[in-house]
Amino acid sequence: MSDSTQATPTHEPDRNRWVVRLEGELAHLDYSVAGGVMTIHHTIVPKPLGGRGIAGSLVRAALDQARADGLKVRPDCPYAASWMDKHPEYGDLRA
């Protein structure tokens, strides 16, 4: 198992994103917040980092933050929407 699967997302609230920096690459999830709703716009993982669960860890981090902040979530990003469908424990967050 590669140690990259252990990459922990870092929140950059001033840039409205969660990031994973690994092996010289940057994976990120971009979002905005308005009216009590976090909208997830994009989840981007460069090909060299693909298949390691990084996108899922970014979505989970964003959803956990939304829950902590009392926000609902609108997953405009197809990956985030699919991830939420597969994890019903986050279903209560859907806007």
N, C-alpha and C. Protein backbone atom coordinates (compact mmCIF):
# COMPACT_ATOMS: atom_id res chain seq x y z
N MET A 1 0.85 -1.19 0.00
CA MET A 1 0.00 0.00 0.00
C MET A 1 0.89 1.24 0.00
N SER A 2 0.57 2.16 -0.83
CA SER A 2 1.35 3.39 -0.93
C SER A 2 1.01 4.32 0.23
N ASP A 3 2.01 5.05 0.69
CA ASP A 3 1.75 6.00 1.78
C ASP A 3 0.89 7.15 1.30
N SER A 4 0.73 7.32 -0.02
CA SER A 4 -0.09 8.40 -0.55
C SER A 4 -1.57 8.19 -0.21
N THR A 5 -1.97 6.96 0.07
CA THR A 5 -3.36 6.73 0.45
C THR A 5 -3.63 7.35 1.82
N GLN A 6 -2.59 7.69 2.54
CA GLN A 6 -2.73 8.29 3.86
C GLN A 6 -2.72 9.82 3.80
N ALA A 7 -2.72 10.39 2.59
CA ALA A 7 -2.70 11.84 2.43
C ALA A 7 -3.91 12.46 3.12
N THR A 8 -3.66 13.44 3.96
CA THR A 8 -4.73 14.11 4.70
C THR A 8 -5.04 15.45 4.05
N PRO A 9 -6.30 15.68 3.71
CA PRO A 9 -6.66 16.98 3.13
C PRO A 9 -6.41 18.12 4.12
N THR A 10 -6.02 19.23 3.56
CA THR A 10 -5.79 20.47 4.31
C THR A 10 -6.80 21.50 3.84
N HIS A 11 -7.42 22.19 4.80
CA HIS A 11 -8.41 23.22 4.45
C HIS A 11 -7.70 24.54 4.19
N GLU A 12 -8.07 25.18 3.10
CA GLU A 12 -7.61 26.54 2.78
C GLU A 12 -8.86 27.41 2.69
N PRO A 13 -9.41 27.81 3.84
CA PRO A 13 -10.68 28.55 3.83
C PRO A 13 -10.62 29.88 3.10
N ASP A 14 -9.46 30.51 3.10
CA ASP A 14 -9.32 31.79 2.38
C ASP A 14 -9.42 31.61 0.87
N ARG A 15 -9.23 30.37 0.39
CA ARG A 15 -9.33 30.07 -1.05
C ARG A 15 -10.54 29.18 -1.36
N ASN A 16 -11.37 28.92 -0.34
CA ASN A 16 -12.55 28.08 -0.50
C ASN A 16 -12.22 26.75 -1.15
N ARG A 17 -11.26 26.06 -0.55
CA ARG A 17 -10.90 24.76 -1.10
C ARG A 17 -10.25 23.89 -0.05
N TRP A 18 -10.30 22.59 -0.34
CA TRP A 18 -9.56 21.56 0.38
C TRP A 18 -8.51 21.05 -0.57
N VAL A 19 -7.30 20.76 -0.06
CA VAL A 19 -6.21 20.34 -0.93
C VAL A 19 -5.47 19.13 -0.35
N VAL A 20 -4.87 18.38 -1.26
CA VAL A 20 -3.88 17.36 -0.91
C VAL A 20 -2.69 17.63 -1.82
N ARG A 21 -1.55 17.89 -1.21
CA ARG A 21 -0.30 18.06 -1.96
C ARG A 21 0.53 16.80 -1.76
N LEU A 22 0.89 16.18 -2.88
CA LEU A 22 1.57 14.90 -2.79
C LEU A 22 2.38 14.68 -4.06
N GLU A 23 3.62 14.26 -3.87
CA GLU A 23 4.48 13.91 -5.01
C GLU A 23 4.55 15.03 -6.04
N GLY A 24 4.59 16.26 -5.57
CA GLY A 24 4.68 17.42 -6.46
C GLY A 24 3.39 17.75 -7.19
N GLU A 25 2.30 17.10 -6.83
CA GLU A 25 0.99 17.32 -7.46
C GLU A 25 0.03 17.96 -6.46
N LEU A 26 -1.00 18.61 -6.99
CA LEU A 26 -2.02 19.24 -6.16
C LEU A 26 -3.39 18.71 -6.55
N ALA A 27 -4.04 18.04 -5.63
CA ALA A 27 -5.44 17.63 -5.79
C ALA A 27 -6.26 18.63 -4.98
N HIS A 28 -7.46 18.97 -5.47
CA HIS A 28 -8.24 19.95 -4.71
C HIS A 28 -9.73 19.82 -4.96
N LEU A 29 -10.48 20.30 -4.00
CA LEU A 29 -11.93 20.41 -4.06
C LEU A 29 -12.26 21.87 -3.85
N ASP A 30 -12.99 22.47 -4.79
CA ASP A 30 -13.36 23.88 -4.72
C ASP A 30 -14.83 24.00 -4.34
N TYR A 31 -15.13 24.95 -3.47
CA TYR A 31 -16.50 25.14 -3.01
C TYR A 31 -16.78 26.62 -2.79
N SER A 32 -18.04 26.94 -2.61
CA SER A 32 -18.45 28.27 -2.18
C SER A 32 -19.53 28.09 -1.12
N VAL A 33 -19.75 29.13 -0.33
CA VAL A 33 -20.78 29.10 0.70
C VAL A 33 -21.63 30.34 0.57
N ALA A 34 -22.95 30.14 0.52
CA ALA A 34 -23.89 31.26 0.48
C ALA A 34 -25.23 30.77 1.03
N GLY A 35 -25.84 31.59 1.85
CA GLY A 35 -27.16 31.27 2.37
C GLY A 35 -27.24 29.96 3.12
N GLY A 36 -26.19 29.62 3.85
CA GLY A 36 -26.19 28.39 4.63
C GLY A 36 -25.98 27.12 3.83
N VAL A 37 -25.53 27.27 2.58
CA VAL A 37 -25.30 26.12 1.71
C VAL A 37 -23.88 26.14 1.15
N MET A 38 -23.18 25.03 1.32
CA MET A 38 -21.88 24.84 0.68
C MET A 38 -22.14 24.19 -0.67
N THR A 39 -21.72 24.83 -1.74
CA THR A 39 -21.81 24.25 -3.07
C THR A 39 -20.43 23.74 -3.46
N ILE A 40 -20.35 22.44 -3.74
CA ILE A 40 -19.09 21.84 -4.18
C ILE A 40 -19.06 21.94 -5.70
N HIS A 41 -18.09 22.69 -6.21
CA HIS A 41 -18.01 22.97 -7.65
C HIS A 41 -17.18 21.93 -8.40
N HIS A 42 -16.01 21.61 -7.89
CA HIS A 42 -15.08 20.73 -8.61
C HIS A 42 -14.29 19.89 -7.62
N THR A 43 -14.00 18.68 -8.01
CA THR A 43 -13.04 17.84 -7.31
C THR A 43 -12.04 17.40 -8.37
N ILE A 44 -10.80 17.86 -8.24
CA ILE A 44 -9.77 17.62 -9.25
C ILE A 44 -8.62 16.82 -8.64
N VAL A 45 -8.31 15.69 -9.25
CA VAL A 45 -7.17 14.89 -8.84
C VAL A 45 -6.33 14.62 -10.09
N PRO A 46 -5.08 15.09 -10.11
CA PRO A 46 -4.21 14.83 -11.27
C PRO A 46 -4.04 13.34 -11.51
N LYS A 47 -3.90 12.96 -12.76
CA LYS A 47 -3.77 11.53 -13.12
C LYS A 47 -2.72 10.78 -12.32
N PRO A 48 -1.54 11.36 -12.05
CA PRO A 48 -0.55 10.60 -11.27
C PRO A 48 -1.03 10.22 -9.87
N LEU A 49 -2.04 10.90 -9.35
CA LEU A 49 -2.55 10.61 -8.01
C LEU A 49 -3.86 9.82 -8.05
N GLY A 50 -4.36 9.54 -9.23
CA GLY A 50 -5.64 8.87 -9.37
C GLY A 50 -5.65 7.47 -8.79
N GLY A 51 -6.84 7.01 -8.42
CA GLY A 51 -7.03 5.65 -7.94
C GLY A 51 -6.55 5.39 -6.53
N ARG A 52 -6.31 6.43 -5.77
CA ARG A 52 -5.78 6.26 -4.41
C ARG A 52 -6.77 6.69 -3.33
N GLY A 53 -7.98 7.06 -3.73
CA GLY A 53 -8.97 7.49 -2.75
C GLY A 53 -8.85 8.94 -2.33
N ILE A 54 -8.03 9.70 -3.04
CA ILE A 54 -7.81 11.10 -2.65
C ILE A 54 -9.06 11.94 -2.87
N ALA A 55 -9.75 11.74 -3.99
CA ALA A 55 -10.97 12.52 -4.25
C ALA A 55 -12.00 12.28 -3.14
N GLY A 56 -12.15 11.01 -2.74
CA GLY A 56 -13.08 10.70 -1.67
C GLY A 56 -12.70 11.35 -0.36
N SER A 57 -11.40 11.40 -0.08
CA SER A 57 -10.96 12.03 1.17
C SER A 57 -11.23 13.53 1.14
N LEU A 58 -11.11 14.14 -0.04
CA LEU A 58 -11.42 15.57 -0.16
C LEU A 58 -12.90 15.83 0.07
N VAL A 59 -13.75 15.01 -0.53
CA VAL A 59 -15.19 15.18 -0.36
C VAL A 59 -15.57 14.96 1.10
N ARG A 60 -15.06 13.91 1.70
CA ARG A 60 -15.37 13.64 3.12
C ARG A 60 -14.95 14.82 4.01
N ALA A 61 -13.78 15.37 3.77
CA ALA A 61 -13.30 16.50 4.58
C ALA A 61 -14.24 17.71 4.42
N ALA A 62 -14.65 17.98 3.18
CA ALA A 62 -15.55 19.11 2.95
C ALA A 62 -16.90 18.89 3.62
N LEU A 63 -17.42 17.67 3.52
CA LEU A 63 -18.71 17.37 4.14
C LEU A 63 -18.64 17.42 5.66
N ASP A 64 -17.55 16.93 6.21
CA ASP A 64 -17.38 17.01 7.66
C ASP A 64 -17.32 18.46 8.12
N GLN A 65 -16.65 19.30 7.34
CA GLN A 65 -16.59 20.74 7.67
C GLN A 65 -17.97 21.37 7.56
N ALA A 66 -18.71 21.03 6.50
CA ALA A 66 -20.06 21.56 6.35
C ALA A 66 -20.93 21.18 7.54
N ARG A 67 -20.84 19.94 7.96
CA ARG A 67 -21.62 19.48 9.12
C ARG A 67 -21.23 20.27 10.37
N ALA A 68 -19.93 20.43 10.60
CA ALA A 68 -19.45 21.16 11.78
C ALA A 68 -19.92 22.61 11.77
N ASP A 69 -20.04 23.17 10.56
CA ASP A 69 -20.46 24.57 10.42
C ASP A 69 -21.97 24.73 10.31
N GLY A 70 -22.71 23.63 10.35
CA GLY A 70 -24.17 23.69 10.27
C GLY A 70 -24.68 24.03 8.88
N LEU A 71 -23.93 23.66 7.84
CA LEU A 71 -24.31 23.98 6.46
C LEU A 71 -24.96 22.78 5.78
N LYS A 72 -25.80 23.06 4.82
CA LYS A 72 -26.29 22.05 3.88
C LYS A 72 -25.30 22.03 2.72
N VAL A 73 -25.39 21.00 1.86
CA VAL A 73 -24.43 20.85 0.77
C VAL A 73 -25.16 20.62 -0.55
N ARG A 74 -24.75 21.35 -1.56
CA ARG A 74 -25.21 21.15 -2.92
C ARG A 74 -24.02 20.64 -3.73
N PRO A 75 -24.00 19.36 -4.08
CA PRO A 75 -22.86 18.82 -4.83
C PRO A 75 -23.03 19.02 -6.34
N ASP A 76 -22.63 20.17 -6.86
CA ASP A 76 -22.68 20.40 -8.31
C ASP A 76 -21.64 19.56 -9.04
N CYS A 77 -20.59 19.19 -8.36
CA CYS A 77 -19.55 18.32 -8.92
C CYS A 77 -20.11 16.90 -9.03
N PRO A 78 -20.08 16.30 -10.23
CA PRO A 78 -20.61 14.94 -10.39
C PRO A 78 -19.95 13.92 -9.46
N TYR A 79 -18.64 14.04 -9.25
CA TYR A 79 -17.97 13.09 -8.36
C TYR A 79 -18.50 13.22 -6.94
N ALA A 80 -18.62 14.45 -6.45
CA ALA A 80 -19.11 14.66 -5.08
C ALA A 80 -20.54 14.16 -4.94
N ALA A 81 -21.37 14.38 -5.95
CA ALA A 81 -22.76 13.91 -5.90
C ALA A 81 -22.79 12.38 -5.83
N SER A 82 -21.98 11.73 -6.65
CA SER A 82 -21.92 10.27 -6.65
C SER A 82 -21.40 9.74 -5.32
N TRP A 83 -20.38 10.40 -4.78
CA TRP A 83 -19.80 9.99 -3.51
C TRP A 83 -20.86 10.08 -2.41
N MET A 84 -21.63 11.16 -2.41
CA MET A 84 -22.68 11.32 -1.40
C MET A 84 -23.74 10.23 -1.55
N ASP A 85 -24.07 9.86 -2.79
CA ASP A 85 -25.05 8.80 -3.02
C ASP A 85 -24.57 7.48 -2.42
N LYS A 86 -23.27 7.25 -2.44
CA LYS A 86 -22.70 6.00 -1.95
C LYS A 86 -22.45 6.00 -0.44
N HIS A 87 -22.63 7.17 0.18
CA HIS A 87 -22.38 7.30 1.63
C HIS A 87 -23.61 7.92 2.29
N PRO A 88 -24.63 7.11 2.55
CA PRO A 88 -25.88 7.64 3.08
C PRO A 88 -25.75 8.34 4.42
N GLU A 89 -24.66 8.10 5.12
CA GLU A 89 -24.47 8.78 6.41
C GLU A 89 -24.32 10.30 6.24
N TYR A 90 -24.13 10.75 5.00
CA TYR A 90 -24.04 12.18 4.72
C TYR A 90 -25.30 12.72 4.03
N GLY A 91 -26.30 11.86 3.84
CA GLY A 91 -27.51 12.25 3.14
C GLY A 91 -28.26 13.41 3.77
N ASP A 92 -28.17 13.55 5.09
CA ASP A 92 -28.86 14.63 5.78
C ASP A 92 -28.31 16.00 5.43
N LEU A 93 -27.12 16.05 4.80
CA LEU A 93 -26.52 17.33 4.46
C LEU A 93 -27.00 17.90 3.13
N ARG A 94 -27.63 17.09 2.31
CA ARG A 94 -28.04 17.57 0.97
C ARG A 94 -29.00 18.74 1.06
N ALA A 95 -28.69 19.75 0.28
CA ALA A 95 -29.55 20.94 0.22
C ALA A 95 -30.73 20.67 -0.71
